[in-house]
């Protein structure tokens, strides 16, 4: 039971949107096709390694847009995530939003060789296949920020701007000081879960899906793990779903989640806090958005990252938790800051 609760906590800490669905067995109609819209429910592009990525478009048509923004979902989520940018704003600023299923999620094919590099490569190929232009914007959410960090490292010349929204922290980053993390229970929890996922995946899959012991919902809507605002989202957002036993019984779903978790919390080939400012002339900007009351990623760690990387614009939502993208006012502020450079005084850290 304790094991189940700990695993449940990790799921809730990392996956706070709609659950993934098994990749649809979509047939390839022609070797020359780049976009398959016939068999799948969603349009897909074919990558250079033969995999398909599914995507969803919002806002104004791409050919009429002033800004093209790719949204990168987090753990246990999909392109159907609720990034609650007001439609009026999308029309006003002529914004084209592109949401896609990362490898192994939704209707996208899994990637057994998933890595930091492959995540950035998928995003770049997606942008090129859909002809987004030489530069585009990225908004990464929660665990979806590790592909975003990778883009900043590997393809900074392609980025018109980046927003990392409630970015998770990898406690294996070498530059994180011990005195800041030694008493953080999330550090030990993530390391323990990484070992279990790496060395005993079969046991982990069995325990998450077995029926010998009753499942516990003690963590659902528990104020120890969610801010008051997060609890309101959980209560009032239609269609909100956490990962279920039924979905995790599908081995393809479990394996994709496991690989995603292991890349995110494993050893990286770079430390984000060693990055130099890739935009010394301010030709592009990088933003971090954090909730002051976030109980998944503490604001103290985000402020440390900001202090190490002062060229990043740091925004803090005073009453915000981890589910900032469910707040339409915050989503509007994220886009206005990213695209127009408009920074509200109410989101400056105190």
C-alpha atoms as a PDB file:
ATOM      1  CA  UNK A   1       0.000   0.000   0.000  1.00  0.00           C
ATOM      2  CA  UNK A   2       2.817   2.398   0.818  1.00  0.00           C
ATOM      3  CA  UNK A   3       4.478   1.527  -2.498  1.00  0.00           C
ATOM      4  CA  UNK A   4       1.215   2.239  -4.329  1.00  0.00           C
ATOM      5  CA  UNK A   5       0.875   5.602  -2.603  1.00  0.00           C
ATOM      6  CA  UNK A   6       4.430   6.613  -3.430  1.00  0.00           C
ATOM      7  CA  UNK A   7       4.001   5.681  -7.087  1.00  0.00           C
ATOM      8  CA  UNK A   8       0.678   7.489  -7.107  1.00  0.00           C
ATOM      9  CA  UNK A   9       2.353  10.595  -5.749  1.00  0.00           C
ATOM     10  CA  UNK A  10       4.922  10.522  -8.549  1.00  0.00           C
ATOM     11  CA  UNK A  11       2.162  10.164 -11.137  1.00  0.00           C
ATOM     12  CA  UNK A  12       0.274  13.101  -9.688  1.00  0.00           C
ATOM     13  CA  UNK A  13       3.415  15.180  -9.381  1.00  0.00           C
ATOM     14  CA  UNK A  14       4.279  14.663 -13.026  1.00  0.00           C
ATOM     15  CA  UNK A  15       1.058  13.982 -14.891  1.00  0.00           C
ATOM     16  CA  UNK A  16      -1.632  16.534 -14.241  1.00  0.00           C
ATOM     17  CA  UNK A  17      -3.629  16.551 -17.466  1.00  0.00           C
ATOM     18  CA  UNK A  18      -5.572  14.093 -19.554  1.00  0.00           C
ATOM     19  CA  UNK A  19      -4.272  10.542 -19.640  1.00  0.00           C
ATOM     20  CA  UNK A  20      -2.405   9.114 -22.615  1.00  0.00           C
ATOM     21  CA  UNK A  21      -4.089   6.790 -25.005  1.00  0.00           C
ATOM     22  CA  UNK A  22      -2.538   3.875 -26.793  1.00  0.00           C
ATOM     23  CA  UNK A  23      -0.952   4.828 -30.115  1.00  0.00           C
ATOM     24  CA  UNK A  24      -3.462   4.096 -32.845  1.00  0.00           C
ATOM     25  CA  UNK A  25      -2.411   1.464 -35.395  1.00  0.00           C
ATOM     26  CA  UNK A  26      -2.505   3.965 -38.232  1.00  0.00           C
ATOM     27  CA  UNK A  27      -1.503   2.609 -41.585  1.00  0.00           C
ATOM     28  CA  UNK A  28       1.000   4.334 -43.796  1.00  0.00           C
ATOM     29  CA  UNK A  29      -0.757   5.007 -47.086  1.00  0.00           C
ATOM     30  CA  UNK A  30       2.261   5.996 -49.153  1.00  0.00           C
ATOM     31  CA  UNK A  31       6.007   6.086 -48.672  1.00  0.00           C
ATOM     32  CA  UNK A  32       6.003   9.627 -50.004  1.00  0.00           C
ATOM     33  CA  UNK A  33       3.358  10.978 -47.659  1.00  0.00           C
ATOM     34  CA  UNK A  34       4.552  13.315 -44.900  1.00  0.00           C
ATOM     35  CA  UNK A  35       1.106  13.925 -43.411  1.00  0.00           C
ATOM     36  CA  UNK A  36      -1.352  11.085 -42.867  1.00  0.00           C
ATOM     37  CA  UNK A  37      -4.884  12.383 -42.339  1.00  0.00           C
ATOM     38  CA  UNK A  38      -6.869   9.445 -43.687  1.00  0.00           C
ATOM     39  CA  UNK A  39      -6.629   6.610 -41.173  1.00  0.00           C
ATOM     40  CA  UNK A  40      -5.937   8.442 -37.888  1.00  0.00           C
ATOM     41  CA  UNK A  41      -8.358  10.674 -36.065  1.00  0.00           C
ATOM     42  CA  UNK A  42      -5.670  13.358 -35.991  1.00  0.00           C
ATOM     43  CA  UNK A  43      -3.241  14.543 -38.650  1.00  0.00           C
ATOM     44  CA  UNK A  44       0.297  13.181 -38.319  1.00  0.00           C
ATOM     45  CA  UNK A  45       3.703  13.885 -39.807  1.00  0.00           C
ATOM     46  CA  UNK A  46       6.269  11.242 -40.675  1.00  0.00           C
ATOM     47  CA  UNK A  47       9.704  11.688 -39.144  1.00  0.00           C
ATOM     48  CA  UNK A  48      12.995  10.782 -40.805  1.00  0.00           C
ATOM     49  CA  UNK A  49      13.253   7.562 -38.751  1.00  0.00           C
ATOM     50  CA  UNK A  50       9.810   6.403 -39.916  1.00  0.00           C
ATOM     51  CA  UNK A  51       7.858   7.247 -36.769  1.00  0.00           C
ATOM     52  CA  UNK A  52       4.709   9.353 -36.864  1.00  0.00           C
ATOM     53  CA  UNK A  53       3.839  12.293 -34.625  1.00  0.00           C
ATOM     54  CA  UNK A  54       0.202  13.343 -34.226  1.00  0.00           C
ATOM     55  CA  UNK A  55      -0.694  16.976 -33.758  1.00  0.00           C
ATOM     56  CA  UNK A  56      -3.565  19.402 -33.176  1.00  0.00           C
ATOM     57  CA  UNK A  57      -3.882  23.022 -34.289  1.00  0.00           C
ATOM     58  CA  UNK A  58      -5.554  25.948 -32.533  1.00  0.00           C
ATOM     59  CA  UNK A  59      -5.886  29.649 -33.179  1.00  0.00           C
ATOM     60  CA  UNK A  60      -5.741  31.321 -36.560  1.00  0.00           C
ATOM     61  CA  UNK A  61      -4.723  29.448 -39.718  1.00  0.00           C
ATOM     62  CA  UNK A  62      -0.978  29.036 -40.019  1.00  0.00           C
ATOM     63  CA  UNK A  63      -0.737  31.017 -43.248  1.00  0.00           C
ATOM     64  CA  UNK A  64      -2.482  33.989 -41.610  1.00  0.00           C
ATOM     65  CA  UNK A  65      -0.567  33.941 -38.333  1.00  0.00           C
ATOM     66  CA  UNK A  66       1.885  36.455 -36.923  1.00  0.00           C
ATOM     67  CA  UNK A  67       3.191  34.030 -34.296  1.00  0.00           C
ATOM     68  CA  UNK A  68       3.656  30.254 -34.432  1.00  0.00           C
ATOM     69  CA  UNK A  69       3.863  28.557 -31.046  1.00  0.00           C
ATOM     70  CA  UNK A  70       4.534  24.886 -30.278  1.00  0.00           C
ATOM     71  CA  UNK A  71       3.159  23.658 -26.926  1.00  0.00           C
ATOM     72  CA  UNK A  72       5.022  20.702 -25.363  1.00  0.00           C
ATOM     73  CA  UNK A  73       2.914  18.632 -22.969  1.00  0.00           C
ATOM     74  CA  UNK A  74       4.130  16.943 -19.808  1.00  0.00           C
ATOM     75  CA  UNK A  75       4.078  13.464 -18.273  1.00  0.00           C
ATOM     76  CA  UNK A  76       0.906  11.437 -18.764  1.00  0.00           C
ATOM     77  CA  UNK A  77      -0.582  14.145 -20.973  1.00  0.00           C
ATOM     78  CA  UNK A  78      -1.195  14.610 -24.695  1.00  0.00           C
ATOM     79  CA  UNK A  79      -1.968  17.144 -27.393  1.00  0.00           C
ATOM     80  CA  UNK A  80      -5.478  17.327 -25.900  1.00  0.00           C
ATOM     81  CA  UNK A  81      -4.110  19.132 -22.834  1.00  0.00           C
ATOM     82  CA  UNK A  82      -5.937  22.217 -21.654  1.00  0.00           C
ATOM     83  CA  UNK A  83      -3.700  25.162 -22.449  1.00  0.00           C
ATOM     84  CA  UNK A  84      -6.379  27.713 -21.694  1.00  0.00           C
ATOM     85  CA  UNK A  85      -5.296  30.617 -23.851  1.00  0.00           C
ATOM     86  CA  UNK A  86      -8.401  32.691 -24.651  1.00  0.00           C
ATOM     87  CA  UNK A  87      -9.593  32.383 -28.241  1.00  0.00           C
ATOM     88  CA  UNK A  88     -10.022  36.161 -28.311  1.00  0.00           C
ATOM     89  CA  UNK A  89      -6.302  36.562 -27.637  1.00  0.00           C
ATOM     90  CA  UNK A  90      -5.360  34.076 -30.350  1.00  0.00           C
ATOM     91  CA  UNK A  91      -7.486  36.056 -32.810  1.00  0.00           C
ATOM     92  CA  UNK A  92      -6.281  39.460 -31.590  1.00  0.00           C
ATOM     93  CA  UNK A  93      -2.594  38.632 -31.981  1.00  0.00           C
ATOM     94  CA  UNK A  94      -3.039  36.171 -34.872  1.00  0.00           C
ATOM     95  CA  UNK A  95      -1.486  33.271 -32.971  1.00  0.00           C
ATOM     96  CA  UNK A  96      -1.200  29.767 -34.389  1.00  0.00           C
ATOM     97  CA  UNK A  97      -0.847  27.114 -31.658  1.00  0.00           C
ATOM     98  CA  UNK A  98       0.532  23.663 -32.451  1.00  0.00           C
ATOM     99  CA  UNK A  99       0.059  20.934 -29.846  1.00  0.00           C
ATOM    100  CA  UNK A 100       1.466  17.467 -30.520  1.00  0.00           C
ATOM    101  CA  UNK A 101       1.662  14.041 -28.915  1.00  0.00           C
ATOM    102  CA  UNK A 102       5.221  13.409 -27.845  1.00  0.00           C
ATOM    103  CA  UNK A 103       6.664   9.995 -28.740  1.00  0.00           C
ATOM    104  CA  UNK A 104       4.550   7.176 -27.312  1.00  0.00           C
ATOM    105  CA  UNK A 105       1.661   9.400 -26.252  1.00  0.00           C
ATOM    106  CA  UNK A 106      -1.781   9.654 -27.824  1.00  0.00           C
ATOM    107  CA  UNK A 107      -1.581   8.822 -31.513  1.00  0.00           C
ATOM    108  CA  UNK A 108       2.183   9.209 -31.874  1.00  0.00           C
ATOM    109  CA  UNK A 109       4.469   6.226 -32.325  1.00  0.00           C
ATOM    110  CA  UNK A 110       6.738   5.269 -29.418  1.00  0.00           C
ATOM    111  CA  UNK A 111      10.474   5.858 -29.557  1.00  0.00           C
ATOM    112  CA  UNK A 112      12.481   3.052 -27.950  1.00  0.00           C
ATOM    113  CA  UNK A 113      15.593   5.236 -28.290  1.00  0.00           C
ATOM    114  CA  UNK A 114      14.090   8.278 -26.603  1.00  0.00           C
ATOM    115  CA  UNK A 115      16.691  10.780 -25.382  1.00  0.00           C
ATOM    116  CA  UNK A 116      17.172  14.468 -24.755  1.00  0.00           C
ATOM    117  CA  UNK A 117      18.495  14.773 -28.293  1.00  0.00           C
ATOM    118  CA  UNK A 118      15.599  12.889 -29.892  1.00  0.00           C
ATOM    119  CA  UNK A 119      13.020  15.067 -28.120  1.00  0.00           C
ATOM    120  CA  UNK A 120      14.576  18.230 -29.574  1.00  0.00           C
ATOM    121  CA  UNK A 121      14.948  16.575 -32.970  1.00  0.00           C
ATOM    122  CA  UNK A 122      11.246  15.603 -32.986  1.00  0.00           C
ATOM    123  CA  UNK A 123      10.241  19.206 -32.339  1.00  0.00           C
ATOM    124  CA  UNK A 124      12.532  20.569 -35.030  1.00  0.00           C
ATOM    125  CA  UNK A 125      11.316  18.028 -37.591  1.00  0.00           C
ATOM    126  CA  UNK A 126       7.700  18.726 -36.680  1.00  0.00           C
ATOM    127  CA  UNK A 127       8.263  22.438 -37.266  1.00  0.00           C
ATOM    128  CA  UNK A 128       9.984  21.797 -40.588  1.00  0.00           C
ATOM    129  CA  UNK A 129       7.424  19.306 -41.909  1.00  0.00           C
ATOM    130  CA  UNK A 130       4.621  21.738 -41.079  1.00  0.00           C
ATOM    131  CA  UNK A 131       6.594  24.651 -42.512  1.00  0.00           C
ATOM    132  CA  UNK A 132       6.551  26.871 -39.444  1.00  0.00           C
ATOM    133  CA  UNK A 133       9.432  28.906 -40.798  1.00  0.00           C
ATOM    134  CA  UNK A 134      13.036  29.476 -39.782  1.00  0.00           C
ATOM    135  CA  UNK A 135      12.022  30.424 -36.224  1.00  0.00           C
ATOM    136  CA  UNK A 136       9.163  29.472 -33.931  1.00  0.00           C
ATOM    137  CA  UNK A 137       8.162  29.785 -30.268  1.00  0.00           C
ATOM    138  CA  UNK A 138       7.982  26.981 -27.698  1.00  0.00           C
ATOM    139  CA  UNK A 139       5.935  26.710 -24.505  1.00  0.00           C
ATOM    140  CA  UNK A 140       6.995  23.706 -22.411  1.00  0.00           C
ATOM    141  CA  UNK A 141       4.804  22.553 -19.506  1.00  0.00           C
ATOM    142  CA  UNK A 142       5.999  20.653 -16.411  1.00  0.00           C
ATOM    143  CA  UNK A 143       7.903  17.529 -17.544  1.00  0.00           C
ATOM    144  CA  UNK A 144       7.534  18.809 -21.105  1.00  0.00           C
ATOM    145  CA  UNK A 145      10.241  21.293 -20.161  1.00  0.00           C
ATOM    146  CA  UNK A 146      13.045  18.773 -20.561  1.00  0.00           C
ATOM    147  CA  UNK A 147      12.501  18.683 -24.359  1.00  0.00           C
ATOM    148  CA  UNK A 148      12.342  22.487 -24.178  1.00  0.00           C
ATOM    149  CA  UNK A 149      15.676  22.737 -22.332  1.00  0.00           C
ATOM    150  CA  UNK A 150      17.104  20.392 -24.950  1.00  0.00           C
ATOM    151  CA  UNK A 151      15.892  22.686 -27.740  1.00  0.00           C
ATOM    152  CA  UNK A 152      17.523  25.646 -26.009  1.00  0.00           C
ATOM    153  CA  UNK A 153      20.780  23.674 -25.853  1.00  0.00           C
ATOM    154  CA  UNK A 154      20.720  22.183 -29.356  1.00  0.00           C
ATOM    155  CA  UNK A 155      18.712  24.459 -31.671  1.00  0.00           C
ATOM    156  CA  UNK A 156      18.736  27.963 -30.137  1.00  0.00           C
ATOM    157  CA  UNK A 157      18.982  29.487 -33.618  1.00  0.00           C
ATOM    158  CA  UNK A 158      15.529  28.086 -34.458  1.00  0.00           C
ATOM    159  CA  UNK A 159      13.781  29.600 -31.442  1.00  0.00           C
ATOM    160  CA  UNK A 160      12.036  32.959 -31.516  1.00  0.00           C
ATOM    161  CA  UNK A 161      11.369  32.584 -27.793  1.00  0.00           C
ATOM    162  CA  UNK A 162      10.781  30.016 -25.036  1.00  0.00           C
ATOM    163  CA  UNK A 163       8.527  29.812 -21.990  1.00  0.00           C
ATOM    164  CA  UNK A 164       9.150  27.072 -19.427  1.00  0.00           C
ATOM    165  CA  UNK A 165       5.939  26.786 -17.410  1.00  0.00           C
ATOM    166  CA  UNK A 166       6.253  25.153 -13.959  1.00  0.00           C
ATOM    167  CA  UNK A 167       9.382  23.339 -15.203  1.00  0.00           C
ATOM    168  CA  UNK A 168      10.255  20.254 -13.201  1.00  0.00           C
ATOM    169  CA  UNK A 169      13.666  20.023 -11.550  1.00  0.00           C
ATOM    170  CA  UNK A 170      16.048  17.110 -12.172  1.00  0.00           C
ATOM    171  CA  UNK A 171      17.809  16.558  -8.867  1.00  0.00           C
ATOM    172  CA  UNK A 172      20.748  15.013 -10.743  1.00  0.00           C
ATOM    173  CA  UNK A 173      21.756  18.382 -12.181  1.00  0.00           C
ATOM    174  CA  UNK A 174      25.297  18.769 -10.762  1.00  0.00           C
ATOM    175  CA  UNK A 175      24.948  22.464 -10.009  1.00  0.00           C
ATOM    176  CA  UNK A 176      22.043  22.095  -7.587  1.00  0.00           C
ATOM    177  CA  UNK A 177      23.470  22.836  -4.115  1.00  0.00           C
ATOM    178  CA  UNK A 178      23.063  20.133  -1.496  1.00  0.00           C
ATOM    179  CA  UNK A 179      21.929  22.574   1.179  1.00  0.00           C
ATOM    180  CA  UNK A 180      18.949  23.520  -0.984  1.00  0.00           C
ATOM    181  CA  UNK A 181      17.809  19.965  -1.736  1.00  0.00           C
ATOM    182  CA  UNK A 182      18.942  17.788   1.181  1.00  0.00           C
ATOM    183  CA  UNK A 183      15.636  18.158   3.064  1.00  0.00           C
ATOM    184  CA  UNK A 184      13.452  18.061  -0.049  1.00  0.00           C
ATOM    185  CA  UNK A 185      11.500  14.785   0.023  1.00  0.00           C
ATOM    186  CA  UNK A 186      11.037  15.016  -3.755  1.00  0.00           C
ATOM    187  CA  UNK A 187      14.760  14.433  -4.244  1.00  0.00           C
ATOM    188  CA  UNK A 188      14.775  11.064  -2.512  1.00  0.00           C
ATOM    189  CA  UNK A 189      11.443  10.123  -4.035  1.00  0.00           C
ATOM    190  CA  UNK A 190      12.569  10.780  -7.601  1.00  0.00           C
ATOM    191  CA  UNK A 191      15.811   8.859  -7.102  1.00  0.00           C
ATOM    192  CA  UNK A 192      13.991   5.901  -5.597  1.00  0.00           C
ATOM    193  CA  UNK A 193      11.419   5.848  -8.389  1.00  0.00           C
ATOM    194  CA  UNK A 194      14.177   6.084 -11.010  1.00  0.00           C
ATOM    195  CA  UNK A 195      15.873   2.987  -9.609  1.00  0.00           C
ATOM    196  CA  UNK A 196      12.632   1.045  -9.505  1.00  0.00           C
ATOM    197  CA  UNK A 197      11.746   2.051 -13.070  1.00  0.00           C
ATOM    198  CA  UNK A 198      15.222   1.219 -14.359  1.00  0.00           C
ATOM    199  CA  UNK A 199      15.990  -2.046 -12.592  1.00  0.00           C
ATOM    200  CA  UNK A 200      12.595  -3.649 -11.898  1.00  0.00           C
ATOM    201  CA  UNK A 201      10.166  -2.458 -14.615  1.00  0.00           C
ATOM    202  CA  UNK A 202       8.240  -5.736 -14.565  1.00  0.00           C
ATOM    203  CA  UNK A 203       7.647  -5.483 -10.828  1.00  0.00           C
ATOM    204  CA  UNK A 204       6.599  -1.846 -11.168  1.00  0.00           C
ATOM    205  CA  UNK A 205       4.137  -2.685 -13.945  1.00  0.00           C
ATOM    206  CA  UNK A 206       2.674  -5.562 -11.938  1.00  0.00           C
ATOM    207  CA  UNK A 207       2.249  -3.486  -8.810  1.00  0.00           C
ATOM    208  CA  UNK A 208       0.578  -0.616 -10.624  1.00  0.00           C
ATOM    209  CA  UNK A 209      -1.926  -2.940 -12.290  1.00  0.00           C
ATOM    210  CA  UNK A 210      -2.484  -5.791  -9.787  1.00  0.00           C
ATOM    211  CA  UNK A 211      -5.813  -6.260  -7.998  1.00  0.00           C
ATOM    212  CA  UNK A 212      -4.709  -8.174  -4.913  1.00  0.00           C
ATOM    213  CA  UNK A 213      -4.672  -4.992  -2.854  1.00  0.00           C
ATOM    214  CA  UNK A 214      -7.301  -2.262  -3.043  1.00  0.00           C
ATOM    215  CA  UNK A 215      -6.108   0.857  -4.802  1.00  0.00           C
ATOM    216  CA  UNK A 216      -5.769   3.961  -2.687  1.00  0.00           C
ATOM    217  CA  UNK A 217      -7.132   7.346  -3.607  1.00  0.00           C
ATOM    218  CA  UNK A 218      -5.642   9.049  -0.559  1.00  0.00           C
ATOM    219  CA  UNK A 219      -3.566  11.312  -2.800  1.00  0.00           C
ATOM    220  CA  UNK A 220      -6.418  12.458  -4.995  1.00  0.00           C
ATOM    221  CA  UNK A 221      -7.223  16.076  -4.191  1.00  0.00           C
ATOM    222  CA  UNK A 222      -5.010  15.897  -1.128  1.00  0.00           C
ATOM    223  CA  UNK A 223      -3.998  19.408   0.010  1.00  0.00           C
ATOM    224  CA  UNK A 224      -0.594  18.045   1.019  1.00  0.00           C
ATOM    225  CA  UNK A 225       0.241  17.715  -2.667  1.00  0.00           C
ATOM    226  CA  UNK A 226      -1.968  20.340  -4.318  1.00  0.00           C
ATOM    227  CA  UNK A 227      -2.411  24.050  -3.716  1.00  0.00           C
ATOM    228  CA  UNK A 228      -5.868  25.480  -3.096  1.00  0.00           C
ATOM    229  CA  UNK A 229      -6.010  26.710  -6.673  1.00  0.00           C
ATOM    230  CA  UNK A 230      -4.961  23.305  -7.993  1.00  0.00           C
ATOM    231  CA  UNK A 231      -7.740  21.706  -5.960  1.00  0.00           C
ATOM    232  CA  UNK A 232     -10.253  24.041  -7.594  1.00  0.00           C
ATOM    233  CA  UNK A 233      -8.973  22.962 -10.997  1.00  0.00           C
ATOM    234  CA  UNK A 234      -9.294  19.288 -10.062  1.00  0.00           C
ATOM    235  CA  UNK A 235     -12.837  19.890  -8.874  1.00  0.00           C
ATOM    236  CA  UNK A 236     -14.102  22.117 -11.678  1.00  0.00           C
ATOM    237  CA  UNK A 237     -12.280  21.180 -14.884  1.00  0.00           C
ATOM    238  CA  UNK A 238     -14.502  18.985 -17.087  1.00  0.00           C
ATOM    239  CA  UNK A 239     -12.870  15.850 -18.392  1.00  0.00           C
ATOM    240  CA  UNK A 240      -9.917  15.966 -16.024  1.00  0.00           C
ATOM    241  CA  UNK A 241      -8.395  12.502 -15.741  1.00  0.00           C
ATOM    242  CA  UNK A 242      -5.422  11.018 -13.973  1.00  0.00           C
ATOM    243  CA  UNK A 243      -3.684   7.860 -15.102  1.00  0.00           C
ATOM    244  CA  UNK A 244      -5.846   4.803 -14.557  1.00  0.00           C
ATOM    245  CA  UNK A 245      -5.037   1.152 -13.938  1.00  0.00           C
ATOM    246  CA  UNK A 246      -6.767   0.221 -17.197  1.00  0.00           C
ATOM    247  CA  UNK A 247      -4.477   2.441 -19.244  1.00  0.00           C
ATOM    248  CA  UNK A 248      -1.362   1.289 -17.399  1.00  0.00           C
ATOM    249  CA  UNK A 249      -2.238  -2.352 -18.156  1.00  0.00           C
ATOM    250  CA  UNK A 250      -1.492  -1.547 -21.779  1.00  0.00           C
ATOM    251  CA  UNK A 251       2.206  -2.297 -21.852  1.00  0.00           C
ATOM    252  CA  UNK A 252       2.879   0.205 -24.639  1.00  0.00           C
ATOM    253  CA  UNK A 253       1.498   3.012 -22.456  1.00  0.00           C
ATOM    254  CA  UNK A 254       3.490   1.890 -19.427  1.00  0.00           C
ATOM    255  CA  UNK A 255       6.717   1.512 -21.422  1.00  0.00           C
ATOM    256  CA  UNK A 256       6.392   4.981 -22.972  1.00  0.00           C
ATOM    257  CA  UNK A 257       5.750   6.575 -19.575  1.00  0.00           C
ATOM    258  CA  UNK A 258       8.686   4.691 -18.083  1.00  0.00           C
ATOM    259  CA  UNK A 259      11.064   5.796 -20.837  1.00  0.00           C
ATOM    260  CA  UNK A 260       9.873   9.389 -20.549  1.00  0.00           C
ATOM    261  CA  UNK A 261      10.412   9.378 -16.783  1.00  0.00           C
ATOM    262  CA  UNK A 262      13.869   7.822 -17.059  1.00  0.00           C
ATOM    263  CA  UNK A 263      15.123  10.350 -19.615  1.00  0.00           C
ATOM    264  CA  UNK A 264      13.716  13.237 -17.591  1.00  0.00           C
ATOM    265  CA  UNK A 265      15.174  12.109 -14.260  1.00  0.00           C
ATOM    266  CA  UNK A 266      18.283  10.351 -15.543  1.00  0.00           C
ATOM    267  CA  UNK A 267      21.746  11.770 -16.103  1.00  0.00           C
ATOM    268  CA  UNK A 268      21.729  14.514 -18.715  1.00  0.00           C
ATOM    269  CA  UNK A 269      24.494  15.284 -21.193  1.00  0.00           C
ATOM    270  CA  UNK A 270      24.393  18.923 -20.064  1.00  0.00           C
ATOM    271  CA  UNK A 271      23.492  20.992 -17.030  1.00  0.00           C
ATOM    272  CA  UNK A 272      20.961  23.744 -17.836  1.00  0.00           C
ATOM    273  CA  UNK A 273      22.630  26.051 -15.341  1.00  0.00           C
ATOM    274  CA  UNK A 274      25.871  25.875 -17.315  1.00  0.00           C
ATOM    275  CA  UNK A 275      24.180  27.301 -20.411  1.00  0.00           C
ATOM    276  CA  UNK A 276      25.439  30.611 -21.709  1.00  0.00           C
ATOM    277  CA  UNK A 277      22.967  33.182 -22.925  1.00  0.00           C
ATOM    278  CA  UNK A 278      22.344  32.179 -26.558  1.00  0.00           C
ATOM    279  CA  UNK A 279      20.708  35.545 -27.241  1.00  0.00           C
ATOM    280  CA  UNK A 280      23.158  38.270 -26.157  1.00  0.00           C
ATOM    281  CA  UNK A 281      21.451  40.802 -28.424  1.00  0.00           C
ATOM    282  CA  UNK A 282      18.029  39.857 -26.982  1.00  0.00           C
ATOM    283  CA  UNK A 283      16.985  38.572 -30.399  1.00  0.00           C
ATOM    284  CA  UNK A 284      14.985  35.942 -28.504  1.00  0.00           C
ATOM    285  CA  UNK A 285      13.937  35.648 -24.862  1.00  0.00           C
ATOM    286  CA  UNK A 286      13.633  32.791 -22.388  1.00  0.00           C
ATOM    287  CA  UNK A 287      11.000  32.821 -19.624  1.00  0.00           C
ATOM    288  CA  UNK A 288      10.238  30.719 -16.554  1.00  0.00           C
ATOM    289  CA  UNK A 289       6.736  30.758 -15.068  1.00  0.00           C
ATOM    290  CA  UNK A 290       6.321  29.408 -11.558  1.00  0.00           C
ATOM    291  CA  UNK A 291       3.504  29.196  -9.026  1.00  0.00           C
ATOM    292  CA  UNK A 292       4.481  30.478  -5.586  1.00  0.00           C
ATOM    293  CA  UNK A 293       2.252  27.823  -3.990  1.00  0.00           C
ATOM    294  CA  UNK A 294       3.374  24.983  -6.270  1.00  0.00           C
ATOM    295  CA  UNK A 295       3.802  21.876  -4.106  1.00  0.00           C
ATOM    296  CA  UNK A 296       5.204  19.769  -6.942  1.00  0.00           C
ATOM    297  CA  UNK A 297       8.155  22.025  -7.824  1.00  0.00           C
ATOM    298  CA  UNK A 298       9.117  24.424  -5.004  1.00  0.00           C
ATOM    299  CA  UNK A 299       9.594  28.044  -5.987  1.00  0.00           C
ATOM    300  CA  UNK A 300      12.900  28.189  -4.090  1.00  0.00           C
ATOM    301  CA  UNK A 301      14.491  25.883  -6.672  1.00  0.00           C
ATOM    302  CA  UNK A 302      13.144  27.901  -9.579  1.00  0.00           C
ATOM    303  CA  UNK A 303      14.498  31.089  -8.037  1.00  0.00           C
ATOM    304  CA  UNK A 304      17.893  29.403  -7.738  1.00  0.00           C
ATOM    305  CA  UNK A 305      17.825  28.515 -11.454  1.00  0.00           C
ATOM    306  CA  UNK A 306      16.872  32.108 -12.249  1.00  0.00           C
ATOM    307  CA  UNK A 307      19.725  33.481 -10.132  1.00  0.00           C
ATOM    308  CA  UNK A 308      22.167  31.169 -11.922  1.00  0.00           C
ATOM    309  CA  UNK A 309      20.774  32.223 -15.301  1.00  0.00           C
ATOM    310  CA  UNK A 310      19.925  35.932 -14.877  1.00  0.00           C
ATOM    311  CA  UNK A 311      19.280  36.311 -18.602  1.00  0.00           C
ATOM    312  CA  UNK A 312      16.066  34.351 -18.097  1.00  0.00           C
ATOM    313  CA  UNK A 313      12.942  36.366 -17.325  1.00  0.00           C
ATOM    314  CA  UNK A 314      11.372  34.907 -14.196  1.00  0.00           C
ATOM    315  CA  UNK A 315       7.646  35.253 -13.451  1.00  0.00           C
ATOM    316  CA  UNK A 316       5.932  34.082 -10.267  1.00  0.00           C
ATOM    317  CA  UNK A 317       2.171  33.737  -9.844  1.00  0.00           C
ATOM    318  CA  UNK A 318       1.435  34.638  -6.194  1.00  0.00           C
ATOM    319  CA  UNK A 319      -1.487  32.249  -5.668  1.00  0.00           C
ATOM    320  CA  UNK A 320      -0.519  29.816  -8.423  1.00  0.00           C
ATOM    321  CA  UNK A 321       0.076  26.111  -7.980  1.00  0.00           C
ATOM    322  CA  UNK A 322       1.333  23.567 -10.503  1.00  0.00           C
ATOM    323  CA  UNK A 323      -1.672  23.809 -12.820  1.00  0.00           C
ATOM    324  CA  UNK A 324      -0.988  27.291 -14.180  1.00  0.00           C
ATOM    325  CA  UNK A 325      -2.053  26.366 -17.712  1.00  0.00           C
ATOM    326  CA  UNK A 326      -5.618  25.869 -16.443  1.00  0.00           C
ATOM    327  CA  UNK A 327      -5.820  29.587 -15.634  1.00  0.00           C
ATOM    328  CA  UNK A 328      -6.816  31.579 -18.713  1.00  0.00           C
ATOM    329  CA  UNK A 329      -5.493  34.857 -17.267  1.00  0.00           C
ATOM    330  CA  UNK A 330      -2.072  33.287 -16.650  1.00  0.00           C
ATOM    331  CA  UNK A 331      -2.037  31.695 -20.110  1.00  0.00           C
ATOM    332  CA  UNK A 332      -2.752  35.103 -21.627  1.00  0.00           C
ATOM    333  CA  UNK A 333       0.057  36.648 -19.585  1.00  0.00           C
ATOM    334  CA  UNK A 334       2.431  33.860 -20.691  1.00  0.00           C
ATOM    335  CA  UNK A 335       1.707  34.515 -24.357  1.00  0.00           C
ATOM    336  CA  UNK A 336       1.784  38.316 -24.093  1.00  0.00           C
ATOM    337  CA  UNK A 337       5.141  38.162 -22.325  1.00  0.00           C
ATOM    338  CA  UNK A 338       6.575  35.617 -24.757  1.00  0.00           C
ATOM    339  CA  UNK A 339       5.356  37.267 -27.949  1.00  0.00           C
ATOM    340  CA  UNK A 340       5.142  40.969 -27.088  1.00  0.00           C
ATOM    341  CA  UNK A 341       7.514  41.363 -24.152  1.00  0.00           C
ATOM    342  CA  UNK A 342       4.691  42.615 -21.925  1.00  0.00           C
ATOM    343  CA  UNK A 343       5.470  41.792 -18.290  1.00  0.00           C
ATOM    344  CA  UNK A 344       2.808  42.308 -15.643  1.00  0.00           C
ATOM    345  CA  UNK A 345       3.934  43.728 -12.312  1.00  0.00           C
ATOM    346  CA  UNK A 346       1.682  41.272 -10.490  1.00  0.00           C
ATOM    347  CA  UNK A 347       3.869  38.349 -11.621  1.00  0.00           C
ATOM    348  CA  UNK A 348       7.178  39.768 -10.446  1.00  0.00           C
ATOM    349  CA  UNK A 349       8.649  37.805  -7.536  1.00  0.00           C
ATOM    350  CA  UNK A 350       8.496  39.533  -4.171  1.00  0.00           C
END
